Amino acid sequence: MADLFAPMTMTHGPAMKNRFMLAPLTNLQSHPDGTLSDDEFNWLTKRAQGGFGLTMTCAAHVQAVGQGFPGQLGVFGDQHLAGLTRLATAIKAAGSVAALQLHHAGNRSPKELVGQPVCPSDDPETGARALSLGEVEQLVEDFVAAAVRSETAGFDGVEIHGAHGYILAQFLSVEINKREDRYGGSLENRARIIFEIIDGIRARTGPDFQVGLRLSPERFGLKLAEIVEVAQSVLRDGRIDYLDMSLWDVFKAPAEEEHQGRTLMSYFTALDRGNVRLGVAGKVTTPAIAAQMLDDGADYVLIGRAAILHHDFPERARDPAFTPVALPVTAEYLTHEGLGPAFVTYMSGWPGFVQAA
């Protein structure tokens, strides 16, 4: 268990004081224009105060048309700077590293929020239209500009959201990406946008600014072998500080039959990571599971559901016997843990999470 409380240095920027990273969690609490609300501020700063080594925001959209859900935090304009600055300052004052996740939902953007959603290619299923080449180049620029804006606000770094079927994962998907230009076809071309965003952020932010990347290896048309190849590329070249693998369940086997016989996680812990830190997410709900993930080769763990239930999960994890409160919990319990009304309502839609009123 002691390894969970060992500091973790990164190539750039401050060290994490422990191996607990708050997972980027959708919470629907920001204002309609993407500016920070008091509820979202309280939710995040309470986790920083609760001992997380790194506190990450929810996915924050880098273009207005990239909004993925109501009440989403925005980072696409300078109108967001005041709230983001307030948030970064408070997270760091609590002794936590402050990170903002950069996001664009692509074909998963609800029409009622954005009007016409966009995608790497025309997508009849969702009605999303293909981005022009110039629009792809603008998308890269807007990811980079959002990182620069995050640095201006005082965040220690950003994480690029390349997972869960959102726009960067849509570029990676051979099923969705039918482009015939330099952003389509080969895996090198389909991954190009991610590497251009990383390079752009590195070129336009300071030497101590941290850059992370989130990938998921399955679903949404992704192939495990290809994601392993992309992961190895970003680990080997050392341009990022940490790779966050969202696995749905850290113990699960691969969905693809030809890769079964070992855990999904093991495909990534086996890679040569150089100086890049590797973290895993997916049902890490107890201190014992967190410790096992480090034993199995991860450098840190991302805590999601357990962090919703316990704002001070890292501190509670000092007791190896600690287990999170049993579900379902009351709405009052979640309010006490720092969730605002919109977040409590959202969690009520998760089967078995919140007691019926």
Protein backbone atom coordinates (compact mmCIF):
# COMPACT_ATOMS: atom_id res chain seq x y z
CA MET A 1 0.00 0.00 0.00
CA ALA A 2 2.90 2.34 0.66
CA ASP A 3 3.55 2.63 -3.08
CA LEU A 4 0.21 4.40 -3.49
CA PHE A 5 1.55 7.27 -1.39
CA ALA A 6 4.93 7.58 -3.05
CA PRO A 7 5.35 10.83 -4.99
CA MET A 8 5.33 10.54 -8.79
CA THR A 9 7.54 12.85 -10.79
CA MET A 10 6.90 13.69 -14.42
CA THR A 11 9.18 14.92 -17.16
CA HIS A 12 7.53 18.35 -17.05
CA GLY A 13 5.97 20.28 -14.21
CA PRO A 14 5.19 19.37 -10.62
CA ALA A 15 5.18 15.90 -9.11
CA MET A 16 2.01 14.25 -7.85
CA LYS A 17 2.20 13.74 -4.09
CA ASN A 18 0.65 10.27 -4.47
CA ARG A 19 -0.56 7.88 -7.18
CA PHE A 20 -4.23 8.91 -7.11
CA MET A 21 -5.54 10.92 -10.05
CA LEU A 22 -9.13 12.13 -10.13
CA ALA A 23 -10.69 10.73 -13.28
CA PRO A 24 -12.24 13.31 -15.63
CA LEU A 25 -15.91 12.95 -14.78
CA THR A 26 -18.94 14.27 -16.61
CA ASN A 27 -21.03 16.21 -14.10
CA LEU A 28 -23.32 18.60 -16.07
CA GLN A 29 -22.75 21.44 -13.61
CA SER A 30 -21.28 24.28 -15.68
CA HIS A 31 -23.32 27.18 -17.04
CA PRO A 32 -24.90 26.86 -20.52
CA ASP A 33 -22.16 29.04 -22.04
CA GLY A 34 -19.45 26.75 -20.65
CA THR A 35 -18.35 29.08 -17.86
CA LEU A 36 -17.56 27.55 -14.49
CA SER A 37 -20.32 27.34 -11.89
CA ASP A 38 -19.92 27.37 -8.13
CA ASP A 39 -21.23 23.79 -8.03
CA GLU A 40 -18.49 22.56 -10.39
CA PHE A 41 -15.88 24.59 -8.53
CA ASN A 42 -16.97 23.05 -5.22
CA TRP A 43 -17.08 19.49 -6.61
CA LEU A 44 -13.53 19.67 -7.95
CA THR A 45 -11.84 21.64 -5.18
CA LYS A 46 -13.33 19.31 -2.57
CA ARG A 47 -11.50 16.42 -4.30
CA ALA A 48 -8.26 18.39 -4.34
CA GLN A 49 -8.71 19.03 -0.63
CA GLY A 50 -9.49 15.32 -0.17
CA GLY A 51 -5.97 14.33 -1.12
CA PHE A 52 -5.87 13.59 -4.85
CA GLY A 53 -2.36 13.93 -6.25
CA LEU A 54 -3.80 15.31 -9.49
CA THR A 55 -7.29 16.77 -9.88
CA MET A 56 -8.62 16.71 -13.43
CA THR A 57 -11.63 18.59 -14.73
CA CYS A 58 -14.41 16.99 -16.69
CA ALA A 59 -14.00 16.98 -20.45
CA ALA A 60 -13.91 20.65 -21.51
CA HIS A 61 -14.85 21.35 -25.12
CA VAL A 62 -12.39 23.19 -27.35
CA GLN A 63 -15.02 24.32 -29.89
CA ALA A 64 -18.62 25.34 -29.30
CA VAL A 65 -19.68 22.77 -31.91
CA GLY A 66 -17.80 20.11 -29.96
CA GLN A 67 -20.04 20.21 -26.90
CA GLY A 68 -20.97 16.70 -25.81
CA PHE A 69 -23.49 17.19 -23.02
CA PRO A 70 -25.46 19.90 -21.21
CA GLY A 71 -23.67 21.85 -18.52
CA GLN A 72 -20.25 21.07 -19.97
CA LEU A 73 -17.22 23.11 -19.00
CA GLY A 74 -15.84 25.16 -21.88
CA VAL A 75 -12.30 26.16 -22.81
CA PHE A 76 -12.96 27.50 -26.33
CA GLY A 77 -12.95 31.21 -25.52
CA ASP A 78 -11.43 33.81 -23.28
CA GLN A 79 -14.84 34.21 -21.61
CA HIS A 80 -13.95 31.01 -19.75
CA LEU A 81 -10.67 32.32 -18.36
CA ALA A 82 -11.94 33.89 -15.14
CA GLY A 83 -13.63 30.71 -13.94
CA LEU A 84 -10.78 28.47 -15.06
CA THR A 85 -8.26 30.69 -13.28
CA ARG A 86 -10.30 30.55 -10.09
CA LEU A 87 -10.48 26.77 -10.35
CA ALA A 88 -6.79 26.15 -11.10
CA THR A 89 -5.74 28.46 -8.27
CA ALA A 90 -7.89 26.64 -5.72
CA ILE A 91 -6.85 23.14 -6.82
CA LYS A 92 -3.18 24.03 -6.53
CA ALA A 93 -3.72 25.78 -3.19
CA ALA A 94 -5.02 22.45 -1.88
CA GLY A 95 -1.73 20.75 -2.79
CA SER A 96 -2.99 18.96 -5.89
CA VAL A 97 -1.69 19.15 -9.46
CA ALA A 98 -4.30 20.91 -11.63
CA ALA A 99 -5.14 19.43 -15.04
CA LEU A 100 -7.81 20.30 -17.60
CA GLN A 101 -9.08 17.71 -20.07
CA LEU A 102 -9.44 18.90 -23.68
CA HIS A 103 -12.40 17.44 -25.55
CA HIS A 104 -14.53 17.54 -28.68
CA ALA A 105 -17.48 15.17 -29.02
CA GLY A 106 -17.61 15.02 -32.83
CA ASN A 107 -20.52 12.90 -34.01
CA ARG A 108 -21.56 12.40 -30.38
CA SER A 109 -22.51 16.09 -30.03
CA PRO A 110 -26.29 16.35 -29.51
CA LYS A 111 -27.96 18.29 -32.32
CA GLU A 112 -30.09 20.17 -29.81
CA LEU A 113 -26.88 21.61 -28.30
CA VAL A 114 -24.71 22.29 -31.35
CA GLY A 115 -27.00 22.29 -34.38
CA GLN A 116 -24.96 20.40 -36.99
CA PRO A 117 -22.47 17.92 -35.46
CA VAL A 118 -19.25 17.19 -37.28
CA CYS A 119 -17.15 14.08 -37.78
CA PRO A 120 -14.04 12.96 -39.69
CA SER A 121 -16.38 11.63 -42.40
CA ASP A 122 -20.08 11.91 -43.20
CA ASP A 123 -21.93 9.74 -40.69
CA PRO A 124 -25.48 8.83 -41.74
CA GLU A 125 -26.19 7.18 -38.38
CA THR A 126 -25.80 10.40 -36.40
CA GLY A 127 -26.30 12.94 -39.18
CA ALA A 128 -22.82 14.38 -38.58
CA ARG A 129 -21.12 15.89 -41.61
CA ALA A 130 -17.52 15.46 -42.65
CA LEU A 131 -14.95 18.08 -41.71
CA SER A 132 -13.16 19.76 -44.58
CA LEU A 133 -9.37 19.65 -44.59
CA GLY A 134 -9.30 23.26 -43.43
CA GLU A 135 -11.67 22.44 -40.60
CA VAL A 136 -9.43 19.58 -39.45
CA GLU A 137 -6.50 21.98 -39.40
CA GLN A 138 -8.64 24.44 -37.41
CA LEU A 139 -9.57 21.65 -34.99
CA VAL A 140 -5.87 21.03 -34.31
CA GLU A 141 -5.38 24.75 -33.75
CA ASP A 142 -8.35 24.93 -31.38
CA PHE A 143 -7.06 22.05 -29.25
CA VAL A 144 -3.69 23.80 -29.05
CA ALA A 145 -5.26 27.21 -28.32
CA ALA A 146 -7.33 25.62 -25.53
CA ALA A 147 -4.13 24.25 -23.98
CA VAL A 148 -2.53 27.68 -24.16
CA ARG A 149 -5.66 29.13 -22.55
CA SER A 150 -5.43 26.49 -19.80
CA GLU A 151 -1.83 27.44 -19.13
CA THR A 152 -2.83 31.12 -18.98
CA ALA A 153 -5.47 30.17 -16.40
CA GLY A 154 -2.79 28.56 -14.26
CA PHE A 155 -3.33 24.86 -14.88
CA ASP A 156 -0.24 22.68 -14.54
CA GLY A 157 -1.19 20.80 -17.67
CA VAL A 158 -3.85 19.33 -19.93
CA GLU A 159 -5.01 15.90 -20.96
CA ILE A 160 -6.04 15.32 -24.59
CA HIS A 161 -9.22 13.22 -24.73
CA GLY A 162 -8.60 10.62 -27.43
CA ALA A 163 -10.93 7.98 -25.98
CA HIS A 164 -14.56 6.84 -25.71
CA GLY A 165 -15.60 7.41 -29.31
CA TYR A 166 -15.22 11.20 -29.25
CA ILE A 167 -13.70 13.06 -32.18
CA LEU A 168 -10.05 12.01 -31.85
CA ALA A 169 -11.12 8.39 -31.38
CA GLN A 170 -13.36 8.85 -34.43
CA PHE A 171 -10.26 9.74 -36.43
CA LEU A 172 -8.57 6.57 -35.13
CA SER A 173 -11.55 4.38 -36.09
CA VAL A 174 -11.27 2.76 -39.50
CA GLU A 175 -15.03 2.19 -39.36
CA ILE A 176 -15.83 5.90 -38.95
CA ASN A 177 -12.88 7.61 -40.65
CA LYS A 178 -13.23 7.22 -44.41
CA ARG A 179 -11.08 10.22 -45.30
CA GLU A 180 -8.75 10.04 -48.30
CA ASP A 181 -6.43 12.89 -47.32
CA ARG A 182 -3.51 12.89 -44.89
CA TYR A 183 -5.89 12.30 -41.95
CA GLY A 184 -7.37 9.05 -43.29
CA GLY A 185 -6.37 5.62 -44.54
CA SER A 186 -3.31 4.23 -42.78
CA LEU A 187 -3.06 4.17 -38.99
CA GLU A 188 -0.28 6.74 -39.27
CA ASN A 189 -2.66 9.08 -41.07
CA ARG A 190 -5.61 8.41 -38.76
CA ALA A 191 -3.43 9.10 -35.68
CA ARG A 192 -1.82 12.16 -37.26
CA ILE A 193 -4.23 14.63 -35.66
CA ILE A 194 -3.30 13.46 -32.15
CA PHE A 195 0.42 13.87 -32.77
CA GLU A 196 -0.09 17.28 -34.36
CA ILE A 197 -2.04 18.42 -31.31
CA ILE A 198 0.68 17.15 -28.96
CA ASP A 199 3.41 18.86 -31.00
CA GLY A 200 1.42 22.08 -31.19
CA ILE A 201 0.89 22.19 -27.44
CA ARG A 202 4.54 21.48 -26.76
CA ALA A 203 5.60 24.26 -29.15
CA ARG A 204 3.34 26.91 -27.65
CA THR A 205 3.39 26.20 -23.91
CA GLY A 206 6.15 26.55 -21.36
CA PRO A 207 8.83 23.98 -20.47
CA ASP A 208 7.04 22.97 -17.26
CA PHE A 209 3.60 22.42 -18.81
CA GLN A 210 2.36 18.85 -18.56
CA VAL A 211 0.65 17.02 -21.42
CA GLY A 212 -1.31 13.81 -20.97
CA LEU A 213 -3.30 11.68 -23.39
CA ARG A 214 -6.35 9.49 -22.72
CA LEU A 215 -6.95 6.49 -24.98
CA SER A 216 -9.41 3.61 -24.86
CA PRO A 217 -8.62 0.37 -26.70
CA GLU A 218 -12.05 -0.98 -27.54
CA ARG A 219 -15.57 -0.07 -28.76
CA PHE A 220 -16.52 2.66 -31.22
CA GLY A 221 -14.71 0.93 -34.08
CA LEU A 222 -11.31 0.83 -32.40
CA LYS A 223 -8.95 -2.13 -32.78
CA LEU A 224 -6.76 -3.19 -29.86
CA ALA A 225 -3.66 -3.82 -31.97
CA GLU A 226 -3.88 -0.32 -33.44
CA ILE A 227 -4.35 1.39 -30.09
CA VAL A 228 -1.40 -0.57 -28.71
CA GLU A 229 0.66 0.74 -31.63
CA VAL A 230 -0.44 4.33 -31.03
CA ALA A 231 0.23 3.96 -27.29
CA GLN A 232 3.71 2.62 -27.93
CA SER A 233 4.45 5.54 -30.25
CA VAL A 234 3.47 8.20 -27.71
CA LEU A 235 5.28 6.38 -24.92
CA ARG A 236 8.46 5.88 -26.92
CA ASP A 237 8.86 9.43 -28.18
CA GLY A 238 8.41 10.97 -24.74
CA ARG A 239 6.47 14.03 -25.89
CA ILE A 240 3.73 13.45 -23.32
CA ASP A 241 4.07 13.15 -19.56
CA TYR A 242 1.41 10.55 -18.91
CA LEU A 243 -0.81 8.13 -20.79
CA ASP A 244 -4.22 7.45 -19.28
CA MET A 245 -5.71 4.14 -20.47
CA SER A 246 -9.45 3.97 -19.94
CA LEU A 247 -10.19 0.25 -19.83
CA TRP A 248 -13.83 0.17 -18.61
CA ASP A 249 -12.69 -2.54 -16.16
CA VAL A 250 -9.02 -3.01 -15.24
CA PHE A 251 -9.54 -6.77 -14.87
CA LYS A 252 -11.37 -7.43 -18.14
CA ALA A 253 -10.14 -9.52 -21.04
CA PRO A 254 -9.99 -8.02 -24.54
CA ALA A 255 -13.24 -8.10 -26.49
CA GLU A 256 -11.47 -9.28 -29.64
CA GLU A 257 -11.19 -13.05 -29.55
CA GLU A 258 -7.72 -13.19 -31.04
CA HIS A 259 -6.32 -11.14 -28.15
CA GLN A 260 -7.93 -13.02 -25.27
CA GLY A 261 -5.98 -15.06 -22.73
CA ARG A 262 -4.58 -12.08 -20.84
CA THR A 263 -5.99 -8.88 -19.41
CA LEU A 264 -6.59 -5.84 -21.58
CA MET A 265 -4.43 -3.83 -19.19
CA SER A 266 -1.43 -6.14 -19.70
CA TYR A 267 -1.12 -5.11 -23.34
CA PHE A 268 -0.23 -1.61 -22.17
CA THR A 269 1.84 -2.30 -19.05
CA ALA A 270 4.07 -4.48 -21.26
CA LEU A 271 5.02 -1.55 -23.49
CA ASP A 272 8.30 0.32 -23.27
CA ARG A 273 7.22 3.57 -21.64
CA GLY A 274 10.53 5.38 -21.27
CA ASN A 275 9.95 8.35 -18.94
CA VAL A 276 6.22 8.56 -19.64
CA ARG A 277 3.91 7.56 -16.79
CA LEU A 278 1.15 5.02 -17.42
CA GLY A 279 -2.16 5.09 -15.58
CA VAL A 280 -5.27 2.91 -15.74
CA ALA A 281 -8.96 3.57 -15.17
CA GLY A 282 -11.90 1.24 -14.86
CA LYS A 283 -13.59 0.10 -11.66
CA VAL A 284 -10.66 0.92 -9.37
CA THR A 285 -12.97 1.08 -6.37
CA THR A 286 -10.87 0.05 -3.36
CA PRO A 287 -7.37 0.65 -2.00
CA ALA A 288 -6.59 -3.02 -2.56
CA ILE A 289 -7.44 -2.82 -6.27
CA ALA A 290 -5.45 0.40 -6.59
CA ALA A 291 -2.41 -1.24 -4.97
CA GLN A 292 -2.78 -4.29 -7.22
CA MET A 293 -2.75 -2.08 -10.32
CA LEU A 294 0.62 -0.69 -9.26
CA ASP A 295 1.86 -4.21 -8.60
CA ASP A 296 0.65 -5.18 -12.08
CA GLY A 297 2.70 -2.44 -13.71
CA ALA A 298 0.74 0.82 -13.68
CA ASP A 299 2.38 3.99 -12.35
CA TYR A 300 -0.84 5.54 -11.06
CA VAL A 301 -4.59 4.93 -10.94
CA LEU A 302 -7.56 7.06 -11.93
CA ILE A 303 -10.46 7.07 -9.49
CA GLY A 304 -13.96 7.79 -10.78
CA ARG A 305 -17.00 6.29 -9.07
CA ALA A 306 -15.20 5.91 -5.73
CA ALA A 307 -14.24 9.60 -5.90
CA ILE A 308 -17.88 10.54 -6.36
CA LEU A 309 -18.73 8.58 -3.23
CA HIS A 310 -15.77 9.80 -1.17
CA HIS A 311 -14.18 13.18 -1.84
CA ASP A 312 -11.26 12.08 0.38
CA PHE A 313 -10.75 8.63 -1.12
CA PRO A 314 -6.93 8.98 -1.16
CA GLU A 315 -6.83 9.77 2.54
CA ARG A 316 -9.26 6.97 3.36
CA ALA A 317 -7.09 4.60 1.31
CA ARG A 318 -4.38 4.82 3.95
CA ASP A 319 -6.51 2.20 5.70
CA PRO A 320 -6.13 -0.97 3.55
CA ALA A 321 -9.44 -2.26 4.87
CA PHE A 322 -11.41 0.75 3.68
CA THR A 323 -14.20 0.03 1.20
CA PRO A 324 -16.52 2.67 -0.27
CA VAL A 325 -20.00 3.14 1.10
CA ALA A 326 -22.50 0.59 -0.19
CA LEU A 327 -24.81 1.54 -3.05
CA PRO A 328 -27.36 2.94 -3.42
CA VAL A 329 -26.69 6.13 -1.49
CA THR A 330 -29.08 8.97 -0.77
CA ALA A 331 -29.15 12.23 -2.66
CA GLU A 332 -28.37 13.92 0.65
CA TYR A 333 -25.24 11.81 1.01
CA LEU A 334 -23.99 12.93 -2.41
CA THR A 335 -24.79 16.55 -1.62
CA HIS A 336 -22.67 16.22 1.52
CA GLU A 337 -19.86 14.87 -0.69
CA GLY A 338 -19.92 18.04 -2.77
CA LEU A 339 -22.19 17.19 -5.70
CA GLY A 340 -24.55 19.93 -6.85
CA PRO A 341 -28.19 19.30 -7.83
CA ALA A 342 -27.44 18.74 -11.54
CA PHE A 343 -24.76 16.17 -10.74
CA VAL A 344 -27.00 14.36 -8.25
CA THR A 345 -29.75 14.20 -10.88
CA TYR A 346 -27.26 12.84 -13.43
CA MET A 347 -26.08 10.16 -11.02
CA SER A 348 -29.70 9.22 -10.37
CA GLY A 349 -29.73 7.95 -13.96
CA TRP A 350 -27.00 5.42 -13.15
CA PRO A 351 -28.73 2.14 -12.25
CA GLY A 352 -28.55 1.42 -8.53
CA PHE A 353 -26.44 4.45 -7.60
CA VAL A 354 -28.94 6.79 -5.90
CA GLN A 355 -31.83 5.74 -3.71
CA ALA A 356 -35.22 6.57 -5.11
CA ALA A 357 -36.78 9.55 -3.38
